[in-house]
Amino acid sequence: MPCRRFASVLEEFGVPHYLKVDIEGNDILCLQDLNSQRLPKFMSMEIAGRPDLITLMAGRGFKRFKAISQYNFLPIELPPSPEQRRYERVQWMSQTRNPLIRGFRLFAGRGWLNRQLNRSRKHADWTFPYGCSGPFGEDLPGRWLDCDELITTLKHLLDLKEQKRSSPFWHDEQEYSFWVDVHGRVD
């Protein structure tokens, strides 16, 4: 299959408004080819636990960042976002052995709980199915962070994962389930 540099693709077709990069560990190749004088307004890429890519994004000219869990489209930030706290509360309700909550689940509460858990997958009239990238730009939940704040947040989360702590951002039983897209914006 013929290959070419990403810079030549941008030269031929222009810089997009939003650039989504997801080439399984080779995202850095596209990032390195970006011209800091001609950047897309928004960019996202899967980081898979590599904070150095955020530093590189900042070095290219991206100023604000959001990390979004691709497992449930929740923003990753410290302190936890209201969306994350709501999700954790509903997740607890769907798993607790508390007799009152179990009774609620038994009598039609399970459907409501599932709708609440999937609420973060909805935007306007659209539901993002599992495996897709979700919203981008201003449609993302959470707040925009600076580079240092995002790196600190992700390092904290990676420490929790290494300690095998439970989180809505990964499956406890799956080693490679921490699937995060970092979104950057230039202004």
Foldseek 3Di string as FASTA:
>chain_A
DDDDQLLVVCVVPNEELEAEDEDPPCSVSNLVSDALVGHHQKYKYKDLLPLVVLVSNVVSFFWWKWKAQLQQRATQAPPGDPLQVQLVVLVCLVDPPPVVSVVCCVVPNVVVSVCSSQVSQDDDPDGNDRPDDGDADPRRDDDIHGSVRVSVRSVVVVVCVVVLHDGPQADSVDPRGNIIMMMTGRD
